[in-house]
Amino acid sequence: MADLVPLPASDLARAADYARHALSPATLKAYAADWEDFAAWSRSRGVEPLPADPATVAAYLASMAVSHAGPTLRRRLAAIGRAHRMKGLAWDASHQVIRDTLSGILRRHGTPPRQAAAIGIAEVRRLVATCDSGLTGMRDRALLLLGFAGALRRSELVAVHREHLTFTADGLRLMIPRAKGDQEGKGVEIGIPRGMKPETCPVRAVEFWLRASDCQYGPVFRKVNRWGGIEPTALHPRAFPEILARRVALAGLKAGSFESLSPHGLRAGFITQAYQAGAKDEAIMDHTRHKDLRTMRGYVRRAKLVSESPAKLVGL
C-alpha cells in the first residue's frame, strides 16, 4: 500500500469555500461581529476568549443583561459556540453556569419581543394610496402589492428578476430560486392572481412598473436616483424597510406597544387575511412556503385572539 499523503491545499480550500456558504452572508457577518465583541470584552479583562471558560461566558452575558434583549444574547452564545467548533474546541452551551445565568437574566430583565404588526388589506390600501404616478411611486406600489400578495420575505422581494416572472391572462407566476427554507436552491413557483380592484392589483402594478422602468431582464426592483434615473443593480434588502417606513409615515399608520411595522408585517398580514377569508392551512403554507405548521399557526392565533376569544361567551 502506498504511503498516504496530506490532501492538496487546493482540495481543502475548495471544501472550506463551500463550508462558508452553509450560512447566509448576513448571518456570518452577525456572528463575526458578535465574536469580535466577546473577544474584545474578554481581552479587556485579561482572559483568553478561545477556549472560553463557562464562567467567562456567563460573566459576559451578565454584562449585557440590561442593555441587550434575549434574542441578542442567544445569538452571541451561538457565535461563541461556532468560533469554538470552527477551531475543533469543545463547547457546551448548556453548561450549568451559562444556562442558569441566561435564565436569571431573562427572568429579571426579559420583556416581550416586539412582533411584526400584521399589515392587512386595509393598511395596504392606505400605503399604496401614498404612491403617486412617478417612478418612485410606481416602484413602491409594485413592491408593496407583490410583497403582500406573494407573502414574500424582503430578501425574496428584492431578489425578483424579470426572468422569474411569467405573465398569464389570470395573473403571473413567480419563481423564487432560493428562499429561507430552501437552502439547497431547489426553487419554488407561486401564483399571483389579478386583483379585483385596479388600484390594488399586484399584477397590474408590476406590469406598469416593468414598462415604466423598461426592465427587460435582471433585477425588477432598483433604486431611483435623485435625478430620476433608474440604477442597474437590485435594491439592497435594507432598502425595503426604509421604503416601507416612509410610506407608513405618509399613510399615518401606527403599531401597538409591542409591535413594529416592518416588511415582515406584509407576510403576517397576508396570512391573517387568507385565514379570515377561509383559506385552508395547507393552501396558506403552500403559498407562504412555511415548513412548520406551528409557525404558520402562530400568525393565525394572533388573528383570532379577539374574534374567537372565549370571553365572548361569558355574557359580559
C-alpha atoms as a PDB file:
ATOM      1  CA  MET A   1       0.000   0.000   0.000  1.00  0.00           C
ATOM      2  CA  ALA A   2       1.339   3.417  -0.980  1.00  0.00           C
ATOM      3  CA  ASP A   3       2.148   5.868   1.773  1.00  0.00           C
ATOM      4  CA  LEU A   4      -0.705   8.264   2.493  1.00  0.00           C
ATOM      5  CA  VAL A   5      -0.036  11.956   1.995  1.00  0.00           C
ATOM      6  CA  PRO A   6      -1.951  15.046   3.143  1.00  0.00           C
ATOM      7  CA  LEU A   7      -4.680  16.337   0.869  1.00  0.00           C
ATOM      8  CA  PRO A   8      -3.585  19.095  -1.514  1.00  0.00           C
ATOM      9  CA  ALA A   9      -4.230  22.600  -0.208  1.00  0.00           C
ATOM     10  CA  SER A  10      -6.473  23.310  -3.205  1.00  0.00           C
ATOM     11  CA  ASP A  11      -8.850  20.488  -2.212  1.00  0.00           C
ATOM     12  CA  LEU A  12      -9.056  21.758   1.340  1.00  0.00           C
ATOM     13  CA  ALA A  13      -9.583  25.330   0.168  1.00  0.00           C
ATOM     14  CA  ARG A  14     -12.432  24.247  -2.107  1.00  0.00           C
ATOM     15  CA  ALA A  15     -14.167  22.453   0.753  1.00  0.00           C
ATOM     16  CA  ALA A  16     -13.661  25.457   3.033  1.00  0.00           C
ATOM     17  CA  ASP A  17     -15.191  27.739   0.421  1.00  0.00           C
ATOM     18  CA  TYR A  18     -18.352  25.619   0.260  1.00  0.00           C
ATOM     19  CA  ALA A  19     -18.476  25.439   4.058  1.00  0.00           C
ATOM     20  CA  ARG A  20     -18.511  29.242   4.211  1.00  0.00           C
ATOM     21  CA  HIS A  21     -21.713  29.185   2.159  1.00  0.00           C
ATOM     22  CA  ALA A  22     -23.513  26.988   4.703  1.00  0.00           C
ATOM     23  CA  LEU A  23     -24.801  30.180   6.341  1.00  0.00           C
ATOM     24  CA  SER A  24     -26.096  33.340   4.721  1.00  0.00           C
ATOM     25  CA  PRO A  25     -23.719  36.321   4.387  1.00  0.00           C
ATOM     26  CA  ALA A  26     -25.875  38.291   6.843  1.00  0.00           C
ATOM     27  CA  THR A  27     -25.658  35.526   9.452  1.00  0.00           C
ATOM     28  CA  LEU A  28     -21.903  35.162   9.000  1.00  0.00           C
ATOM     29  CA  LYS A  29     -21.468  38.925   9.330  1.00  0.00           C
ATOM     30  CA  ALA A  30     -23.550  38.968  12.528  1.00  0.00           C
ATOM     31  CA  TYR A  31     -21.621  36.041  14.004  1.00  0.00           C
ATOM     32  CA  ALA A  32     -18.291  37.676  13.167  1.00  0.00           C
ATOM     33  CA  ALA A  33     -19.336  40.926  14.858  1.00  0.00           C
ATOM     34  CA  ASP A  34     -20.650  39.029  17.886  1.00  0.00           C
ATOM     35  CA  TRP A  35     -17.419  37.063  18.237  1.00  0.00           C
ATOM     36  CA  GLU A  36     -15.289  40.185  17.967  1.00  0.00           C
ATOM     37  CA  ASP A  37     -17.350  41.797  20.716  1.00  0.00           C
ATOM     38  CA  PHE A  38     -16.852  38.816  23.034  1.00  0.00           C
ATOM     39  CA  ALA A  39     -13.141  38.568  22.222  1.00  0.00           C
ATOM     40  CA  ALA A  40     -12.589  42.278  22.914  1.00  0.00           C
ATOM     41  CA  TRP A  41     -14.542  42.061  26.176  1.00  0.00           C
ATOM     42  CA  SER A  42     -12.511  39.047  27.302  1.00  0.00           C
ATOM     43  CA  ARG A  43      -9.145  40.596  26.489  1.00  0.00           C
ATOM     44  CA  SER A  44     -10.112  43.807  28.299  1.00  0.00           C
ATOM     45  CA  ARG A  45     -10.423  41.666  31.418  1.00  0.00           C
ATOM     46  CA  GLY A  46      -7.202  39.762  30.849  1.00  0.00           C
ATOM     47  CA  VAL A  47      -8.754  36.409  29.927  1.00  0.00           C
ATOM     48  CA  GLU A  48      -8.466  34.306  26.777  1.00  0.00           C
ATOM     49  CA  PRO A  49     -11.568  34.204  24.606  1.00  0.00           C
ATOM     50  CA  LEU A  50     -10.619  30.888  22.987  1.00  0.00           C
ATOM     51  CA  PRO A  51     -11.187  28.466  24.538  1.00  0.00           C
ATOM     52  CA  ALA A  52     -13.633  30.300  26.747  1.00  0.00           C
ATOM     53  CA  ASP A  53     -14.251  29.247  30.322  1.00  0.00           C
ATOM     54  CA  PRO A  54     -18.010  28.857  31.034  1.00  0.00           C
ATOM     55  CA  ALA A  55     -17.682  31.335  33.911  1.00  0.00           C
ATOM     56  CA  THR A  56     -16.227  33.899  31.480  1.00  0.00           C
ATOM     57  CA  VAL A  57     -19.128  33.425  29.092  1.00  0.00           C
ATOM     58  CA  ALA A  58     -21.602  33.768  31.965  1.00  0.00           C
ATOM     59  CA  ALA A  59     -19.956  36.996  33.107  1.00  0.00           C
ATOM     60  CA  TYR A  60     -20.071  38.316  29.545  1.00  0.00           C
ATOM     61  CA  LEU A  61     -23.801  37.632  29.352  1.00  0.00           C
ATOM     62  CA  ALA A  62     -24.308  39.311  32.711  1.00  0.00           C
ATOM     63  CA  SER A  63     -22.506  42.419  31.448  1.00  0.00           C
ATOM     64  CA  MET A  64     -25.221  42.784  28.758  1.00  0.00           C
ATOM     65  CA  ALA A  65     -28.171  41.837  30.942  1.00  0.00           C
ATOM     66  CA  VAL A  66     -29.761  45.291  30.982  1.00  0.00           C
ATOM     67  CA  SER A  67     -28.689  46.592  27.588  1.00  0.00           C
ATOM     68  CA  HIS A  68     -29.399  43.624  25.302  1.00  0.00           C
ATOM     69  CA  ALA A  69     -32.529  41.606  24.562  1.00  0.00           C
ATOM     70  CA  GLY A  70     -32.842  37.857  24.963  1.00  0.00           C
ATOM     71  CA  PRO A  71     -32.566  37.009  21.222  1.00  0.00           C
ATOM     72  CA  THR A  72     -29.326  39.007  21.020  1.00  0.00           C
ATOM     73  CA  LEU A  73     -27.848  37.148  23.989  1.00  0.00           C
ATOM     74  CA  ARG A  74     -28.747  33.810  22.423  1.00  0.00           C
ATOM     75  CA  ARG A  75     -27.159  34.859  19.141  1.00  0.00           C
ATOM     76  CA  ARG A  76     -23.979  35.890  20.966  1.00  0.00           C
ATOM     77  CA  LEU A  77     -23.895  32.418  22.529  1.00  0.00           C
ATOM     78  CA  ALA A  78     -24.333  30.844  19.100  1.00  0.00           C
ATOM     79  CA  ALA A  79     -21.451  32.929  17.713  1.00  0.00           C
ATOM     80  CA  ILE A  80     -19.166  31.924  20.594  1.00  0.00           C
ATOM     81  CA  GLY A  81     -20.077  28.285  20.042  1.00  0.00           C
ATOM     82  CA  ARG A  82     -19.433  28.485  16.309  1.00  0.00           C
ATOM     83  CA  ALA A  83     -15.989  30.015  16.909  1.00  0.00           C
ATOM     84  CA  HIS A  84     -15.095  27.090  19.170  1.00  0.00           C
ATOM     85  CA  ARG A  85     -16.384  24.441  16.769  1.00  0.00           C
ATOM     86  CA  MET A  86     -14.528  26.002  13.843  1.00  0.00           C
ATOM     87  CA  LYS A  87     -11.315  25.530  15.830  1.00  0.00           C
ATOM     88  CA  GLY A  88     -12.218  21.993  16.876  1.00  0.00           C
ATOM     89  CA  LEU A  89     -12.597  23.015  20.527  1.00  0.00           C
ATOM     90  CA  ALA A  90     -15.141  21.619  22.956  1.00  0.00           C
ATOM     91  CA  TRP A  91     -18.199  23.768  23.587  1.00  0.00           C
ATOM     92  CA  ASP A  92     -21.212  23.234  25.821  1.00  0.00           C
ATOM     93  CA  ALA A  93     -23.829  25.979  25.633  1.00  0.00           C
ATOM     94  CA  SER A  94     -25.936  24.047  28.149  1.00  0.00           C
ATOM     95  CA  HIS A  95     -23.253  24.208  30.852  1.00  0.00           C
ATOM     96  CA  GLN A  96     -24.974  24.837  34.185  1.00  0.00           C
ATOM     97  CA  VAL A  97     -23.252  28.183  34.790  1.00  0.00           C
ATOM     98  CA  ILE A  98     -24.164  29.530  31.348  1.00  0.00           C
ATOM     99  CA  ARG A  99     -27.706  28.162  31.403  1.00  0.00           C
ATOM    100  CA  ASP A 100     -28.507  29.449  34.887  1.00  0.00           C
ATOM    101  CA  THR A 101     -27.053  32.881  34.167  1.00  0.00           C
ATOM    102  CA  LEU A 102     -29.075  33.265  30.971  1.00  0.00           C
ATOM    103  CA  SER A 103     -32.244  32.046  32.688  1.00  0.00           C
ATOM    104  CA  GLY A 104     -31.728  34.520  35.518  1.00  0.00           C
ATOM    105  CA  ILE A 105     -31.204  37.390  33.105  1.00  0.00           C
ATOM    106  CA  LEU A 106     -34.362  36.560  31.183  1.00  0.00           C
ATOM    107  CA  ARG A 107     -36.391  36.132  34.372  1.00  0.00           C
ATOM    108  CA  ARG A 108     -35.316  39.503  35.764  1.00  0.00           C
ATOM    109  CA  HIS A 109     -34.994  41.639  32.647  1.00  0.00           C
ATOM    110  CA  GLY A 110     -36.895  39.773  29.947  1.00  0.00           C
ATOM    111  CA  THR A 111     -39.561  41.708  28.036  1.00  0.00           C
ATOM    112  CA  PRO A 112     -41.986  40.526  25.353  1.00  0.00           C
ATOM    113  CA  PRO A 113     -40.325  40.677  21.931  1.00  0.00           C
ATOM    114  CA  ARG A 114     -41.674  43.255  19.515  1.00  0.00           C
ATOM    115  CA  GLN A 115     -43.621  41.349  16.878  1.00  0.00           C
ATOM    116  CA  ALA A 116     -44.294  42.479  13.353  1.00  0.00           C
ATOM    117  CA  ALA A 117     -47.750  44.021  13.228  1.00  0.00           C
ATOM    118  CA  ALA A 118     -49.885  42.361  10.585  1.00  0.00           C
ATOM    119  CA  ILE A 119     -50.272  44.729   7.637  1.00  0.00           C
ATOM    120  CA  GLY A 120     -53.632  43.674   6.253  1.00  0.00           C
ATOM    121  CA  ILE A 121     -55.511  44.758   3.145  1.00  0.00           C
ATOM    122  CA  ALA A 122     -56.891  47.890   4.827  1.00  0.00           C
ATOM    123  CA  GLU A 123     -53.364  49.048   5.678  1.00  0.00           C
ATOM    124  CA  VAL A 124     -52.057  48.049   2.242  1.00  0.00           C
ATOM    125  CA  ARG A 125     -54.699  50.254   0.607  1.00  0.00           C
ATOM    126  CA  ARG A 126     -53.587  53.199   2.729  1.00  0.00           C
ATOM    127  CA  LEU A 127     -49.934  52.537   1.887  1.00  0.00           C
ATOM    128  CA  VAL A 128     -50.407  52.325  -1.881  1.00  0.00           C
ATOM    129  CA  ALA A 129     -52.588  55.438  -1.758  1.00  0.00           C
ATOM    130  CA  THR A 130     -49.419  57.373  -0.875  1.00  0.00           C
ATOM    131  CA  CYS A 131     -47.742  56.211  -4.111  1.00  0.00           C
ATOM    132  CA  ASP A 132     -48.031  58.728  -6.938  1.00  0.00           C
ATOM    133  CA  SER A 133     -47.584  58.129 -10.675  1.00  0.00           C
ATOM    134  CA  GLY A 134     -43.865  58.959 -10.666  1.00  0.00           C
ATOM    135  CA  LEU A 135     -41.171  56.310 -10.976  1.00  0.00           C
ATOM    136  CA  THR A 136     -40.611  56.021  -7.226  1.00  0.00           C
ATOM    137  CA  GLY A 137     -44.338  55.794  -6.574  1.00  0.00           C
ATOM    138  CA  MET A 138     -44.844  53.161  -9.261  1.00  0.00           C
ATOM    139  CA  ARG A 139     -41.943  51.099  -7.950  1.00  0.00           C
ATOM    140  CA  ASP A 140     -43.129  51.314  -4.349  1.00  0.00           C
ATOM    141  CA  ARG A 141     -46.688  50.358  -5.299  1.00  0.00           C
ATOM    142  CA  ALA A 142     -45.418  47.259  -7.110  1.00  0.00           C
ATOM    143  CA  LEU A 143     -43.109  46.428  -4.199  1.00  0.00           C
ATOM    144  CA  LEU A 144     -45.869  46.639  -1.612  1.00  0.00           C
ATOM    145  CA  LEU A 145     -48.517  44.781  -3.585  1.00  0.00           C
ATOM    146  CA  LEU A 146     -46.269  41.985  -4.824  1.00  0.00           C
ATOM    147  CA  GLY A 147     -44.733  41.647  -1.353  1.00  0.00           C
ATOM    148  CA  PHE A 148     -48.186  41.316   0.194  1.00  0.00           C
ATOM    149  CA  ALA A 149     -49.803  39.093  -2.443  1.00  0.00           C
ATOM    150  CA  GLY A 150     -46.776  36.795  -2.579  1.00  0.00           C
ATOM    151  CA  ALA A 151     -46.218  36.781   1.206  1.00  0.00           C
ATOM    152  CA  LEU A 152     -42.601  37.426   0.290  1.00  0.00           C
ATOM    153  CA  ARG A 153     -39.712  37.909   2.651  1.00  0.00           C
ATOM    154  CA  ARG A 154     -37.815  41.134   1.944  1.00  0.00           C
ATOM    155  CA  SER A 155     -34.787  39.186   0.670  1.00  0.00           C
ATOM    156  CA  GLU A 156     -37.038  37.338  -1.788  1.00  0.00           C
ATOM    157  CA  LEU A 157     -38.754  40.531  -2.906  1.00  0.00           C
ATOM    158  CA  VAL A 158     -35.632  42.491  -3.793  1.00  0.00           C
ATOM    159  CA  ALA A 159     -34.200  39.384  -5.499  1.00  0.00           C
ATOM    160  CA  VAL A 160     -37.030  39.191  -8.043  1.00  0.00           C
ATOM    161  CA  HIS A 161     -35.659  39.276 -11.602  1.00  0.00           C
ATOM    162  CA  ARG A 162     -37.618  39.779 -14.811  1.00  0.00           C
ATOM    163  CA  GLU A 163     -36.749  36.203 -15.766  1.00  0.00           C
ATOM    164  CA  HIS A 164     -38.591  34.962 -12.671  1.00  0.00           C
ATOM    165  CA  LEU A 165     -41.937  36.435 -13.838  1.00  0.00           C
ATOM    166  CA  THR A 166     -44.313  34.708 -16.263  1.00  0.00           C
ATOM    167  CA  PHE A 167     -47.484  36.630 -17.058  1.00  0.00           C
ATOM    168  CA  THR A 168     -50.744  34.892 -17.966  1.00  0.00           C
ATOM    169  CA  ALA A 169     -54.313  36.001 -18.601  1.00  0.00           C
ATOM    170  CA  ASP A 170     -55.163  35.157 -14.987  1.00  0.00           C
ATOM    171  CA  GLY A 171     -52.130  36.739 -13.323  1.00  0.00           C
ATOM    172  CA  LEU A 172     -48.481  35.849 -13.010  1.00  0.00           C
ATOM    173  CA  ARG A 173     -46.273  33.002 -11.900  1.00  0.00           C
ATOM    174  CA  LEU A 174     -43.284  33.946  -9.764  1.00  0.00           C
ATOM    175  CA  MET A 175     -40.278  31.672  -9.494  1.00  0.00           C
ATOM    176  CA  ILE A 176     -38.401  32.037  -6.193  1.00  0.00           C
ATOM    177  CA  PRO A 177     -34.995  30.453  -6.912  1.00  0.00           C
ATOM    178  CA  ARG A 178     -33.908  30.344  -3.298  1.00  0.00           C
ATOM    179  CA  ALA A 179     -35.775  31.008  -0.077  1.00  0.00           C
ATOM    180  CA  LYS A 180     -35.192  30.765   3.662  1.00  0.00           C
ATOM    181  CA  GLY A 181     -36.445  27.182   3.847  1.00  0.00           C
ATOM    182  CA  ASP A 182     -34.780  26.190   0.568  1.00  0.00           C
ATOM    183  CA  GLN A 183     -31.087  26.327   1.374  1.00  0.00           C
ATOM    184  CA  GLU A 184     -30.231  23.850  -1.417  1.00  0.00           C
ATOM    185  CA  GLY A 185     -31.694  26.113  -4.080  1.00  0.00           C
ATOM    186  CA  LYS A 186     -34.391  23.804  -5.465  1.00  0.00           C
ATOM    187  CA  GLY A 187     -36.656  26.777  -6.077  1.00  0.00           C
ATOM    188  CA  VAL A 188     -40.430  27.111  -5.835  1.00  0.00           C
ATOM    189  CA  GLU A 189     -43.068  28.753  -8.020  1.00  0.00           C
ATOM    190  CA  ILE A 190     -46.112  30.596  -6.651  1.00  0.00           C
ATOM    191  CA  GLY A 191     -49.100  32.124  -8.380  1.00  0.00           C
ATOM    192  CA  ILE A 192     -50.331  35.706  -8.053  1.00  0.00           C
ATOM    193  CA  PRO A 193     -53.849  36.266  -9.467  1.00  0.00           C
ATOM    194  CA  ARG A 194     -55.042  39.564 -10.856  1.00  0.00           C
ATOM    195  CA  GLY A 195     -56.789  41.711  -8.275  1.00  0.00           C
ATOM    196  CA  MET A 196     -60.420  42.762  -8.336  1.00  0.00           C
ATOM    197  CA  LYS A 197     -59.558  46.463  -7.880  1.00  0.00           C
ATOM    198  CA  PRO A 198     -57.161  48.216 -10.304  1.00  0.00           C
ATOM    199  CA  GLU A 199     -55.535  50.300  -7.567  1.00  0.00           C
ATOM    200  CA  THR A 200     -54.539  47.219  -5.522  1.00  0.00           C
ATOM    201  CA  CYS A 201     -53.933  44.664  -8.294  1.00  0.00           C
ATOM    202  CA  PRO A 202     -50.381  43.355  -7.808  1.00  0.00           C
ATOM    203  CA  VAL A 203     -50.105  42.074 -11.380  1.00  0.00           C
ATOM    204  CA  ARG A 204     -51.192  45.390 -12.863  1.00  0.00           C
ATOM    205  CA  ALA A 205     -48.755  47.264 -10.571  1.00  0.00           C
ATOM    206  CA  VAL A 206     -45.834  45.061 -11.626  1.00  0.00           C
ATOM    207  CA  GLU A 207     -46.743  45.364 -15.317  1.00  0.00           C
ATOM    208  CA  PHE A 208     -46.853  49.164 -15.062  1.00  0.00           C
ATOM    209  CA  TRP A 209     -43.506  49.276 -13.275  1.00  0.00           C
ATOM    210  CA  LEU A 210     -41.826  46.971 -15.802  1.00  0.00           C
ATOM    211  CA  ARG A 211     -42.954  49.203 -18.655  1.00  0.00           C
ATOM    212  CA  ALA A 212     -42.009  52.428 -16.878  1.00  0.00           C
ATOM    213  CA  SER A 213     -38.576  51.126 -15.919  1.00  0.00           C
ATOM    214  CA  ASP A 214     -38.038  49.411 -19.298  1.00  0.00           C
ATOM    215  CA  CYS A 215     -36.987  46.272 -17.430  1.00  0.00           C
ATOM    216  CA  GLN A 216     -36.302  43.516 -19.958  1.00  0.00           C
ATOM    217  CA  TYR A 217     -34.090  41.340 -17.760  1.00  0.00           C
ATOM    218  CA  GLY A 218     -32.267  41.393 -14.428  1.00  0.00           C
ATOM    219  CA  PRO A 219     -33.436  42.937 -11.143  1.00  0.00           C
ATOM    220  CA  VAL A 220     -37.005  44.229 -11.189  1.00  0.00           C
ATOM    221  CA  PHE A 221     -36.817  46.484  -8.137  1.00  0.00           C
ATOM    222  CA  ARG A 222     -33.995  49.014  -8.395  1.00  0.00           C
ATOM    223  CA  LYS A 223     -33.084  52.367  -6.932  1.00  0.00           C
ATOM    224  CA  VAL A 224     -34.479  55.540  -8.461  1.00  0.00           C
ATOM    225  CA  ASN A 225     -31.778  58.162  -8.031  1.00  0.00           C
ATOM    226  CA  ARG A 226     -32.228  61.858  -7.299  1.00  0.00           C
ATOM    227  CA  TRP A 227     -32.083  62.734 -10.988  1.00  0.00           C
ATOM    228  CA  GLY A 228     -34.927  60.364 -11.853  1.00  0.00           C
ATOM    229  CA  GLY A 229     -32.658  57.706 -13.297  1.00  0.00           C
ATOM    230  CA  ILE A 230     -33.009  54.006 -12.509  1.00  0.00           C
ATOM    231  CA  GLU A 231     -29.889  52.272 -11.227  1.00  0.00           C
ATOM    232  CA  PRO A 232     -28.914  48.926 -12.809  1.00  0.00           C
ATOM    233  CA  THR A 233     -28.489  46.945  -9.592  1.00  0.00           C
ATOM    234  CA  ALA A 234     -31.156  45.500  -7.307  1.00  0.00           C
ATOM    235  CA  LEU A 235     -32.288  47.249  -4.152  1.00  0.00           C
ATOM    236  CA  HIS A 236     -30.433  46.097  -1.063  1.00  0.00           C
ATOM    237  CA  PRO A 237     -32.653  44.161   1.414  1.00  0.00           C
ATOM    238  CA  ARG A 238     -32.063  47.002   3.904  1.00  0.00           C
ATOM    239  CA  ALA A 239     -33.647  49.476   1.480  1.00  0.00           C
ATOM    240  CA  PHE A 240     -37.116  47.987   1.749  1.00  0.00           C
ATOM    241  CA  PRO A 241     -37.572  48.766   5.475  1.00  0.00           C
ATOM    242  CA  GLU A 242     -36.667  52.378   4.689  1.00  0.00           C
ATOM    243  CA  ILE A 243     -39.167  52.487   1.830  1.00  0.00           C
ATOM    244  CA  LEU A 244     -41.882  50.965   3.997  1.00  0.00           C
ATOM    245  CA  ALA A 245     -41.133  53.338   6.880  1.00  0.00           C
ATOM    246  CA  ARG A 246     -41.530  56.313   4.535  1.00  0.00           C
ATOM    247  CA  ARG A 247     -44.882  55.011   3.253  1.00  0.00           C
ATOM    248  CA  VAL A 248     -46.059  54.208   6.783  1.00  0.00           C
ATOM    249  CA  ALA A 249     -45.307  57.779   7.854  1.00  0.00           C
ATOM    250  CA  LEU A 250     -47.130  59.217   4.838  1.00  0.00           C
ATOM    251  CA  ALA A 251     -50.125  56.954   5.487  1.00  0.00           C
ATOM    252  CA  GLY A 252     -50.176  57.813   9.195  1.00  0.00           C
ATOM    253  CA  LEU A 253     -50.170  54.180  10.298  1.00  0.00           C
ATOM    254  CA  LYS A 254     -49.349  53.262  13.899  1.00  0.00           C
ATOM    255  CA  ALA A 255     -48.429  49.958  15.547  1.00  0.00           C
ATOM    256  CA  GLY A 256     -49.282  48.668  19.016  1.00  0.00           C
ATOM    257  CA  SER A 257     -46.966  48.995  22.029  1.00  0.00           C
ATOM    258  CA  PHE A 258     -45.299  45.617  21.484  1.00  0.00           C
ATOM    259  CA  GLU A 259     -45.475  45.645  17.707  1.00  0.00           C
ATOM    260  CA  SER A 260     -43.487  47.160  14.875  1.00  0.00           C
ATOM    261  CA  LEU A 261     -44.444  47.985  11.314  1.00  0.00           C
ATOM    262  CA  SER A 262     -41.813  46.121   9.322  1.00  0.00           C
ATOM    263  CA  PRO A 263     -41.578  44.318   5.959  1.00  0.00           C
ATOM    264  CA  HIS A 264     -42.433  41.059   7.723  1.00  0.00           C
ATOM    265  CA  GLY A 265     -45.793  42.609   8.524  1.00  0.00           C
ATOM    266  CA  LEU A 266     -46.833  42.191   4.875  1.00  0.00           C
ATOM    267  CA  ARG A 267     -46.229  38.459   5.176  1.00  0.00           C
ATOM    268  CA  ALA A 268     -48.029  38.318   8.519  1.00  0.00           C
ATOM    269  CA  GLY A 269     -50.875  40.374   7.095  1.00  0.00           C
ATOM    270  CA  PHE A 270     -51.319  38.069   4.122  1.00  0.00           C
ATOM    271  CA  ILE A 271     -51.555  35.023   6.402  1.00  0.00           C
ATOM    272  CA  THR A 272     -54.070  36.810   8.616  1.00  0.00           C
ATOM    273  CA  GLN A 273     -56.245  37.904   5.686  1.00  0.00           C
ATOM    274  CA  ALA A 274     -56.075  34.495   3.999  1.00  0.00           C
ATOM    275  CA  TYR A 275     -57.138  32.766   7.221  1.00  0.00           C
ATOM    276  CA  GLN A 276     -60.001  35.191   7.798  1.00  0.00           C
ATOM    277  CA  ALA A 277     -61.158  34.617   4.205  1.00  0.00           C
ATOM    278  CA  GLY A 278     -61.396  30.879   4.865  1.00  0.00           C
ATOM    279  CA  ALA A 279     -58.201  29.595   3.241  1.00  0.00           C
ATOM    280  CA  LYS A 280     -57.060  26.156   4.422  1.00  0.00           C
ATOM    281  CA  ASP A 281     -53.844  25.692   6.378  1.00  0.00           C
ATOM    282  CA  GLU A 282     -52.220  23.670   3.606  1.00  0.00           C
ATOM    283  CA  ALA A 283     -53.096  26.271   0.972  1.00  0.00           C
ATOM    284  CA  ILE A 284     -51.608  29.082   3.058  1.00  0.00           C
ATOM    285  CA  MET A 285     -48.457  27.081   3.835  1.00  0.00           C
ATOM    286  CA  ASP A 286     -48.007  26.137   0.181  1.00  0.00           C
ATOM    287  CA  HIS A 287     -48.154  29.812  -0.795  1.00  0.00           C
ATOM    288  CA  THR A 288     -46.016  31.149   2.066  1.00  0.00           C
ATOM    289  CA  ARG A 289     -43.541  28.228   1.873  1.00  0.00           C
ATOM    290  CA  HIS A 290     -43.823  27.513   5.589  1.00  0.00           C
ATOM    291  CA  LYS A 291     -42.435  24.131   6.615  1.00  0.00           C
ATOM    292  CA  ASP A 292     -43.718  24.161  10.186  1.00  0.00           C
ATOM    293  CA  LEU A 293     -47.469  24.278  10.816  1.00  0.00           C
ATOM    294  CA  ARG A 294     -46.875  25.667  14.313  1.00  0.00           C
ATOM    295  CA  THR A 295     -45.043  28.690  12.915  1.00  0.00           C
ATOM    296  CA  MET A 296     -47.835  29.493  10.490  1.00  0.00           C
ATOM    297  CA  ARG A 297     -50.487  28.875  13.136  1.00  0.00           C
ATOM    298  CA  GLY A 298     -48.764  31.482  15.316  1.00  0.00           C
ATOM    299  CA  TYR A 299     -49.941  34.168  12.893  1.00  0.00           C
ATOM    300  CA  VAL A 300     -53.420  32.646  12.800  1.00  0.00           C
ATOM    301  CA  ARG A 301     -53.635  32.625  16.600  1.00  0.00           C
ATOM    302  CA  ARG A 302     -52.937  36.357  16.732  1.00  0.00           C
ATOM    303  CA  ALA A 303     -55.558  36.938  14.055  1.00  0.00           C
ATOM    304  CA  LYS A 304     -58.300  35.310  16.122  1.00  0.00           C
ATOM    305  CA  LEU A 305     -57.311  36.474  19.610  1.00  0.00           C
ATOM    306  CA  VAL A 306     -60.350  38.733  19.836  1.00  0.00           C
ATOM    307  CA  SER A 307     -62.752  37.340  17.245  1.00  0.00           C
ATOM    308  CA  GLU A 308     -62.666  33.817  18.724  1.00  0.00           C
ATOM    309  CA  SER A 309     -61.990  34.644  22.367  1.00  0.00           C
ATOM    310  CA  PRO A 310     -63.994  32.527  24.854  1.00  0.00           C
ATOM    311  CA  ALA A 311     -64.696  35.796  26.668  1.00  0.00           C
ATOM    312  CA  LYS A 312     -67.396  36.378  24.059  1.00  0.00           C
ATOM    313  CA  LEU A 313     -69.370  33.504  25.558  1.00  0.00           C
ATOM    314  CA  VAL A 314     -69.499  34.530  29.223  1.00  0.00           C
ATOM    315  CA  GLY A 315     -72.239  37.132  28.940  1.00  0.00           C
ATOM    316  CA  LEU A 316     -70.335  40.353  29.579  1.00  0.00           C
END
